[in-house]
């Protein structure tokens, strides 16, 4: 059985935090327009195969990041 969208979002989020050497607290301290934070949110939103839905991303990331992506 494959991973659920929620599991995939969690895995991608952890990969992004590790890649950037950030903690979840550091992610929260970054401005909503921080390029790396926006790139992280975009990757979570799109997923490797586009399978992560927007609701999952909103649960994982501050809504301000998702809002900043709406105007891309």
C-alpha atoms as a PDB file:
ATOM      1  CA  UNK A   1       0.000   0.000   0.000  1.00  0.00           C
ATOM      2  CA  UNK A   2       1.358   3.466  -0.934  1.00  0.00           C
ATOM      3  CA  UNK A   3       1.669   6.429   1.353  1.00  0.00           C
ATOM      4  CA  UNK A   4      -1.314   8.680   1.934  1.00  0.00           C
ATOM      5  CA  UNK A   5      -1.299  12.344   0.894  1.00  0.00           C
ATOM      6  CA  UNK A   6      -0.826  13.315   4.533  1.00  0.00           C
ATOM      7  CA  UNK A   7       2.139  10.943   4.937  1.00  0.00           C
ATOM      8  CA  UNK A   8       3.651  12.248   1.719  1.00  0.00           C
ATOM      9  CA  UNK A   9       3.252  15.869   2.848  1.00  0.00           C
ATOM     10  CA  UNK A  10       4.918  15.040   6.165  1.00  0.00           C
ATOM     11  CA  UNK A  11       7.791  13.258   4.415  1.00  0.00           C
ATOM     12  CA  UNK A  12       8.327  16.117   1.970  1.00  0.00           C
ATOM     13  CA  UNK A  13       8.190  18.674   4.786  1.00  0.00           C
ATOM     14  CA  UNK A  14      10.786  16.770   6.797  1.00  0.00           C
ATOM     15  CA  UNK A  15      13.011  16.462   3.708  1.00  0.00           C
ATOM     16  CA  UNK A  16      12.781  20.211   3.108  1.00  0.00           C
ATOM     17  CA  UNK A  17      13.577  21.038   6.743  1.00  0.00           C
ATOM     18  CA  UNK A  18      16.563  18.706   6.681  1.00  0.00           C
ATOM     19  CA  UNK A  19      17.790  20.073   3.331  1.00  0.00           C
ATOM     20  CA  UNK A  20      17.651  23.636   4.648  1.00  0.00           C
ATOM     21  CA  UNK A  21      18.932  22.652   8.115  1.00  0.00           C
ATOM     22  CA  UNK A  22      15.870  24.256   9.695  1.00  0.00           C
ATOM     23  CA  UNK A  23      13.771  23.240  12.658  1.00  0.00           C
ATOM     24  CA  UNK A  24      10.004  23.672  12.616  1.00  0.00           C
ATOM     25  CA  UNK A  25      10.533  26.662  14.923  1.00  0.00           C
ATOM     26  CA  UNK A  26      12.920  28.213  12.381  1.00  0.00           C
ATOM     27  CA  UNK A  27      10.340  27.697   9.651  1.00  0.00           C
ATOM     28  CA  UNK A  28       7.844  29.616  11.786  1.00  0.00           C
ATOM     29  CA  UNK A  29      10.304  32.479  12.340  1.00  0.00           C
ATOM     30  CA  UNK A  30      10.941  33.012   8.631  1.00  0.00           C
ATOM     31  CA  UNK A  31       8.945  35.757   6.902  1.00  0.00           C
ATOM     32  CA  UNK A  32       6.067  34.589   4.743  1.00  0.00           C
ATOM     33  CA  UNK A  33       7.815  35.957   1.659  1.00  0.00           C
ATOM     34  CA  UNK A  34      11.163  34.230   2.365  1.00  0.00           C
ATOM     35  CA  UNK A  35      12.196  32.619  -0.940  1.00  0.00           C
ATOM     36  CA  UNK A  36      13.227  29.331   0.646  1.00  0.00           C
ATOM     37  CA  UNK A  37       9.998  29.159   2.655  1.00  0.00           C
ATOM     38  CA  UNK A  38       7.913  29.845  -0.445  1.00  0.00           C
ATOM     39  CA  UNK A  39       9.875  27.213  -2.393  1.00  0.00           C
ATOM     40  CA  UNK A  40       9.235  24.724   0.416  1.00  0.00           C
ATOM     41  CA  UNK A  41       5.515  25.483   0.393  1.00  0.00           C
ATOM     42  CA  UNK A  42       5.411  25.201  -3.394  1.00  0.00           C
ATOM     43  CA  UNK A  43       7.068  21.782  -3.257  1.00  0.00           C
ATOM     44  CA  UNK A  44       4.588  20.648  -0.623  1.00  0.00           C
ATOM     45  CA  UNK A  45       1.678  22.018  -2.610  1.00  0.00           C
ATOM     46  CA  UNK A  46       2.788  20.393  -5.845  1.00  0.00           C
ATOM     47  CA  UNK A  47       4.383  17.257  -4.402  1.00  0.00           C
ATOM     48  CA  UNK A  48       6.743  15.132  -6.455  1.00  0.00           C
ATOM     49  CA  UNK A  49       3.852  13.950  -8.622  1.00  0.00           C
ATOM     50  CA  UNK A  50       1.264  16.606  -7.816  1.00  0.00           C
ATOM     51  CA  UNK A  51      -0.525  14.282  -5.418  1.00  0.00           C
ATOM     52  CA  UNK A  52      -0.451  16.470  -2.298  1.00  0.00           C
ATOM     53  CA  UNK A  53      -3.633  18.456  -2.014  1.00  0.00           C
ATOM     54  CA  UNK A  54      -3.904  22.039  -0.859  1.00  0.00           C
ATOM     55  CA  UNK A  55      -5.682  21.189   2.418  1.00  0.00           C
ATOM     56  CA  UNK A  56      -2.732  19.032   3.476  1.00  0.00           C
ATOM     57  CA  UNK A  57      -0.312  21.866   2.762  1.00  0.00           C
ATOM     58  CA  UNK A  58      -2.420  24.318   4.741  1.00  0.00           C
ATOM     59  CA  UNK A  59      -2.348  21.941   7.698  1.00  0.00           C
ATOM     60  CA  UNK A  60       1.438  21.760   7.486  1.00  0.00           C
ATOM     61  CA  UNK A  61       2.423  25.318   6.623  1.00  0.00           C
ATOM     62  CA  UNK A  62       1.272  28.689   7.947  1.00  0.00           C
ATOM     63  CA  UNK A  63      -1.611  29.890   5.796  1.00  0.00           C
ATOM     64  CA  UNK A  64       0.353  33.013   4.957  1.00  0.00           C
ATOM     65  CA  UNK A  65       2.808  30.970   2.895  1.00  0.00           C
ATOM     66  CA  UNK A  66      -0.002  29.358   0.968  1.00  0.00           C
ATOM     67  CA  UNK A  67      -1.594  32.789   0.424  1.00  0.00           C
ATOM     68  CA  UNK A  68       1.675  34.148  -0.962  1.00  0.00           C
ATOM     69  CA  UNK A  69       1.714  31.293  -3.486  1.00  0.00           C
ATOM     70  CA  UNK A  70      -1.759  32.168  -4.755  1.00  0.00           C
ATOM     71  CA  UNK A  71      -0.387  35.285  -6.410  1.00  0.00           C
ATOM     72  CA  UNK A  72       2.457  33.505  -8.235  1.00  0.00           C
END
